[in-house]
Amino acid sequence: MRNPEVPVFFDFESGELLLPGTKARNEIYAEAATKLYVGAAVGNEVLASASEE
C-alpha cells in the first residue's frame, strides 16, 4: 500500500505536476475503485431495504 503522505500527482510544496508511473497509478486506482465498489454495494443494500419498508 502506498504512503498517502507522498504526493503522486501534484506536489503542493513545489507546485510541480508529477507524472507517476503505471504502477503508482494502478495502485491508486485499485485502492479508490475498491472503496467506490464497496460503497456502491452498501448503498444499494440500503436503498433496497428502504424500498421494502
PDB file of N, CA and C in Angstrom:
ATOM      1  N   MET A   1       0.848  -1.180   0.000  1.00  0.00           N
ATOM      2  CA  MET A   1       0.000   0.000   0.000  1.00  0.00           C
ATOM      3  C   MET A   1       0.891   1.240   0.000  1.00  0.00           C
ATOM      4  N   ARG A   2       0.481   2.232  -0.702  1.00  0.00           N
ATOM      5  CA  ARG A   2       1.291   3.439  -0.831  1.00  0.00           C
ATOM      6  C   ARG A   2       1.143   4.346   0.387  1.00  0.00           C
ATOM      7  N   ASN A   3       2.122   5.197   0.585  1.00  0.00           N
ATOM      8  CA  ASN A   3       2.110   6.164   1.679  1.00  0.00           C
ATOM      9  C   ASN A   3       1.308   7.387   1.238  1.00  0.00           C
ATOM     10  N   PRO A   4       0.195   7.699   1.909  1.00  0.00           N
ATOM     11  CA  PRO A   4      -0.627   8.842   1.489  1.00  0.00           C
ATOM     12  C   PRO A   4       0.055  10.196   1.685  1.00  0.00           C
ATOM     13  N   GLU A   5       1.151  10.224   2.449  1.00  0.00           N
ATOM     14  CA  GLU A   5       1.882  11.472   2.673  1.00  0.00           C
ATOM     15  C   GLU A   5       2.777  11.844   1.487  1.00  0.00           C
ATOM     16  N   VAL A   6       3.062  10.881   0.636  1.00  0.00           N
ATOM     17  CA  VAL A   6       3.936  11.121  -0.510  1.00  0.00           C
ATOM     18  C   VAL A   6       3.074  11.533  -1.697  1.00  0.00           C
ATOM     19  N   PRO A   7       3.321  12.729  -2.258  1.00  0.00           N
ATOM     20  CA  PRO A   7       2.499  13.178  -3.386  1.00  0.00           C
ATOM     21  C   PRO A   7       2.707  12.298  -4.619  1.00  0.00           C
ATOM     22  N   VAL A   8       1.626  12.103  -5.373  1.00  0.00           N
ATOM     23  CA  VAL A   8       1.708  11.265  -6.564  1.00  0.00           C
ATOM     24  C   VAL A   8       1.426  12.076  -7.829  1.00  0.00           C
ATOM     25  N   PHE A   9       0.380  12.898  -7.806  1.00  0.00           N
ATOM     26  CA  PHE A   9       0.000  13.651  -8.997  1.00  0.00           C
ATOM     27  C   PHE A   9       0.402  15.119  -8.949  1.00  0.00           C
ATOM     28  N   PHE A  10       0.446  15.689  -7.731  1.00  0.00           N
ATOM     29  CA  PHE A  10       0.763  17.106  -7.602  1.00  0.00           C
ATOM     30  C   PHE A  10       1.499  17.321  -6.296  1.00  0.00           C
ATOM     31  N   ASP A  11       2.607  18.046  -6.345  1.00  0.00           N
ATOM     32  CA  ASP A  11       3.382  18.361  -5.148  1.00  0.00           C
ATOM     33  C   ASP A  11       3.025  19.780  -4.723  1.00  0.00           C
ATOM     34  N   PHE A  12       2.292  19.900  -3.620  1.00  0.00           N
ATOM     35  CA  PHE A  12       1.826  21.202  -3.159  1.00  0.00           C
ATOM     36  C   PHE A  12       2.977  22.103  -2.724  1.00  0.00           C
ATOM     37  N   GLU A  13       4.036  21.526  -2.173  1.00  0.00           N
ATOM     38  CA  GLU A  13       5.166  22.332  -1.711  1.00  0.00           C
ATOM     39  C   GLU A  13       5.894  23.010  -2.864  1.00  0.00           C
ATOM     40  N   SER A  14       6.164  22.280  -3.925  1.00  0.00           N
ATOM     41  CA  SER A  14       6.913  22.840  -5.050  1.00  0.00           C
ATOM     42  C   SER A  14       6.007  23.395  -6.144  1.00  0.00           C
ATOM     43  N   GLY A  15       4.729  22.984  -6.136  1.00  0.00           N
ATOM     44  CA  GLY A  15       3.806  23.406  -7.182  1.00  0.00           C
ATOM     45  C   GLY A  15       3.980  22.628  -8.477  1.00  0.00           C
ATOM     46  N   GLU A  16       4.753  21.550  -8.427  1.00  0.00           N
ATOM     47  CA  GLU A  16       5.015  20.759  -9.627  1.00  0.00           C
ATOM     48  C   GLU A  16       3.921  19.734  -9.890  1.00  0.00           C
ATOM     49  N   LEU A  17       3.613  19.567 -11.157  1.00  0.00           N
ATOM     50  CA  LEU A  17       2.721  18.496 -11.591  1.00  0.00           C
ATOM     51  C   LEU A  17       3.591  17.263 -11.790  1.00  0.00           C
ATOM     52  N   LEU A  18       3.278  16.199 -11.082  1.00  0.00           N
ATOM     53  CA  LEU A  18       4.091  14.990 -11.134  1.00  0.00           C
ATOM     54  C   LEU A  18       3.540  14.017 -12.168  1.00  0.00           C
ATOM     55  N   LEU A  19       4.386  13.188 -12.678  1.00  0.00           N
ATOM     56  CA  LEU A  19       3.996  12.193 -13.678  1.00  0.00           C
ATOM     57  C   LEU A  19       4.277  10.802 -13.116  1.00  0.00           C
ATOM     58  N   PRO A  20       3.307  10.242 -12.384  1.00  0.00           N
ATOM     59  CA  PRO A  20       3.535   8.927 -11.786  1.00  0.00           C
ATOM     60  C   PRO A  20       3.583   7.829 -12.841  1.00  0.00           C
ATOM     61  N   GLY A  21       4.300   6.777 -12.524  1.00  0.00           N
ATOM     62  CA  GLY A  21       4.392   5.631 -13.423  1.00  0.00           C
ATOM     63  C   GLY A  21       3.113   4.808 -13.397  1.00  0.00           C
ATOM     64  N   THR A  22       3.072   3.832 -14.262  1.00  0.00           N
ATOM     65  CA  THR A  22       1.895   2.971 -14.375  1.00  0.00           C
ATOM     66  C   THR A  22       1.604   2.252 -13.067  1.00  0.00           C
ATOM     67  N   LYS A  23       2.634   1.759 -12.395  1.00  0.00           N
ATOM     68  CA  LYS A  23       2.433   1.026 -11.144  1.00  0.00           C
ATOM     69  C   LYS A  23       1.767   1.923 -10.100  1.00  0.00           C
ATOM     70  N   ALA A  24       2.248   3.146  -9.947  1.00  0.00           N
ATOM     71  CA  ALA A  24       1.674   4.069  -8.962  1.00  0.00           C
ATOM     72  C   ALA A  24       0.222   4.391  -9.303  1.00  0.00           C
ATOM     73  N   ARG A  25      -0.057   4.646 -10.580  1.00  0.00           N
ATOM     74  CA  ARG A  25      -1.437   4.936 -10.985  1.00  0.00           C
ATOM     75  C   ARG A  25      -2.342   3.734 -10.746  1.00  0.00           C
ATOM     76  N   ASN A  26      -1.866   2.534 -11.054  1.00  0.00           N
ATOM     77  CA  ASN A  26      -2.666   1.324 -10.846  1.00  0.00           C
ATOM     78  C   ASN A  26      -2.954   1.088  -9.372  1.00  0.00           C
ATOM     79  N   GLU A  27      -1.971   1.336  -8.506  1.00  0.00           N
ATOM     80  CA  GLU A  27      -2.175   1.159  -7.069  1.00  0.00           C
ATOM     81  C   GLU A  27      -3.239   2.119  -6.555  1.00  0.00           C
ATOM     82  N   ILE A  28      -3.189   3.356  -7.011  1.00  0.00           N
ATOM     83  CA  ILE A  28      -4.179   4.352  -6.590  1.00  0.00           C
ATOM     84  C   ILE A  28      -5.559   3.962  -7.110  1.00  0.00           C
ATOM     85  N   TYR A  29      -5.624   3.542  -8.359  1.00  0.00           N
ATOM     86  CA  TYR A  29      -6.900   3.125  -8.940  1.00  0.00           C
ATOM     87  C   TYR A  29      -7.486   1.948  -8.167  1.00  0.00           C
ATOM     88  N   ALA A  30      -6.663   0.948  -7.867  1.00  0.00           N
ATOM     89  CA  ALA A  30      -7.148  -0.241  -7.158  1.00  0.00           C
ATOM     90  C   ALA A  30      -7.692   0.134  -5.786  1.00  0.00           C
ATOM     91  N   GLU A  31      -7.008   1.022  -5.098  1.00  0.00           N
ATOM     92  CA  GLU A  31      -7.456   1.456  -3.770  1.00  0.00           C
ATOM     93  C   GLU A  31      -8.772   2.236  -3.864  1.00  0.00           C
ATOM     94  N   ALA A  32      -8.835   3.190  -4.771  1.00  0.00           N
ATOM     95  CA  ALA A  32     -10.038   4.022  -4.908  1.00  0.00           C
ATOM     96  C   ALA A  32     -11.211   3.215  -5.461  1.00  0.00           C
ATOM     97  N   ALA A  33     -10.956   2.364  -6.438  1.00  0.00           N
ATOM     98  CA  ALA A  33     -12.032   1.582  -7.049  1.00  0.00           C
ATOM     99  C   ALA A  33     -12.650   0.622  -6.038  1.00  0.00           C
ATOM    100  N   THR A  34     -11.820   0.037  -5.185  1.00  0.00           N
ATOM    101  CA  THR A  34     -12.335  -0.877  -4.164  1.00  0.00           C
ATOM    102  C   THR A  34     -13.275  -0.144  -3.221  1.00  0.00           C
ATOM    103  N   LYS A  35     -12.860   1.034  -2.767  1.00  0.00           N
ATOM    104  CA  LYS A  35     -13.704   1.822  -1.858  1.00  0.00           C
ATOM    105  C   LYS A  35     -15.013   2.218  -2.539  1.00  0.00           C
ATOM    106  N   LEU A  36     -14.945   2.629  -3.796  1.00  0.00           N
ATOM    107  CA  LEU A  36     -16.151   3.021  -4.520  1.00  0.00           C
ATOM    108  C   LEU A  36     -17.076   1.829  -4.746  1.00  0.00           C
ATOM    109  N   TYR A  37     -16.506   0.680  -5.088  1.00  0.00           N
ATOM    110  CA  TYR A  37     -17.301  -0.528  -5.326  1.00  0.00           C
ATOM    111  C   TYR A  37     -18.021  -0.959  -4.055  1.00  0.00           C
ATOM    112  N   VAL A  38     -17.295  -1.001  -2.945  1.00  0.00           N
ATOM    113  CA  VAL A  38     -17.897  -1.396  -1.672  1.00  0.00           C
ATOM    114  C   VAL A  38     -18.953  -0.381  -1.258  1.00  0.00           C
ATOM    115  N   GLY A  39     -18.658   0.901  -1.431  1.00  0.00           N
ATOM    116  CA  GLY A  39     -19.625   1.944  -1.092  1.00  0.00           C
ATOM    117  C   GLY A  39     -20.889   1.833  -1.918  1.00  0.00           C
ATOM    118  N   ALA A  40     -20.742   1.534  -3.188  1.00  0.00           N
ATOM    119  CA  ALA A  40     -21.916   1.384  -4.055  1.00  0.00           C
ATOM    120  C   ALA A  40     -22.722   0.155  -3.657  1.00  0.00           C
ATOM    121  N   ALA A  41     -22.041  -0.932  -3.319  1.00  0.00           N
ATOM    122  CA  ALA A  41     -22.741  -2.153  -2.914  1.00  0.00           C
ATOM    123  C   ALA A  41     -23.507  -1.933  -1.620  1.00  0.00           C
ATOM    124  N   VAL A  42     -22.892  -1.278  -0.660  1.00  0.00           N
ATOM    125  CA  VAL A  42     -23.557  -0.995   0.613  1.00  0.00           C
ATOM    126  C   VAL A  42     -24.713  -0.030   0.386  1.00  0.00           C
ATOM    127  N   GLY A  43     -24.505   0.972  -0.454  1.00  0.00           N
ATOM    128  CA  GLY A  43     -25.568   1.925  -0.763  1.00  0.00           C
ATOM    129  C   GLY A  43     -26.751   1.253  -1.415  1.00  0.00           C
ATOM    130  N   ASN A  44     -26.497   0.307  -2.319  1.00  0.00           N
ATOM    131  CA  ASN A  44     -27.584  -0.418  -2.982  1.00  0.00           C
ATOM    132  C   ASN A  44     -28.354  -1.268  -1.992  1.00  0.00           C
ATOM    133  N   GLU A  45     -27.660  -1.872  -1.018  1.00  0.00           N
ATOM    134  CA  GLU A  45     -28.336  -2.665   0.007  1.00  0.00           C
ATOM    135  C   GLU A  45     -29.233  -1.778   0.859  1.00  0.00           C
ATOM    136  N   VAL A  46     -28.745  -0.593   1.186  1.00  0.00           N
ATOM    137  CA  VAL A  46     -29.532   0.343   1.993  1.00  0.00           C
ATOM    138  C   VAL A  46     -30.759   0.788   1.216  1.00  0.00           C
ATOM    139  N   LEU A  47     -30.582   1.094  -0.064  1.00  0.00           N
ATOM    140  CA  LEU A  47     -31.713   1.514  -0.896  1.00  0.00           C
ATOM    141  C   LEU A  47     -32.730   0.387  -1.043  1.00  0.00           C
ATOM    142  N   ALA A  48     -32.258  -0.839  -1.232  1.00  0.00           N
ATOM    143  CA  ALA A  48     -33.161  -1.979  -1.399  1.00  0.00           C
ATOM    144  C   ALA A  48     -33.955  -2.227  -0.126  1.00  0.00           C
ATOM    145  N   SER A  49     -33.313  -2.146   1.025  1.00  0.00           N
ATOM    146  CA  SER A  49     -34.030  -2.397   2.276  1.00  0.00           C
ATOM    147  C   SER A  49     -35.001  -1.260   2.581  1.00  0.00           C
ATOM    148  N   ALA A  50     -34.677  -0.041   2.184  1.00  0.00           N
ATOM    149  CA  ALA A  50     -35.573   1.091   2.421  1.00  0.00           C
ATOM    150  C   ALA A  50     -36.814   0.987   1.542  1.00  0.00           C
ATOM    151  N   SER A  51     -36.674   0.465   0.331  1.00  0.00           N
ATOM    152  CA  SER A  51     -37.824   0.357  -0.566  1.00  0.00           C
ATOM    153  C   SER A  51     -38.760  -0.777  -0.156  1.00  0.00           C
ATOM    154  N   GLU A  52     -38.265  -1.720   0.638  1.00  0.00           N
ATOM    155  CA  GLU A  52     -39.095  -2.829   1.097  1.00  0.00           C
ATOM    156  C   GLU A  52     -40.001  -2.424   2.252  1.00  0.00           C
ATOM    157  N   GLU A  53     -39.665  -1.337   2.922  1.00  0.00           N
ATOM    158  CA  GLU A  53     -40.447  -0.914   4.098  1.00  0.00           C
ATOM    159  C   GLU A  53     -41.740  -0.259   3.713  1.00  0.00           C
TER     160      GLU A  53
END
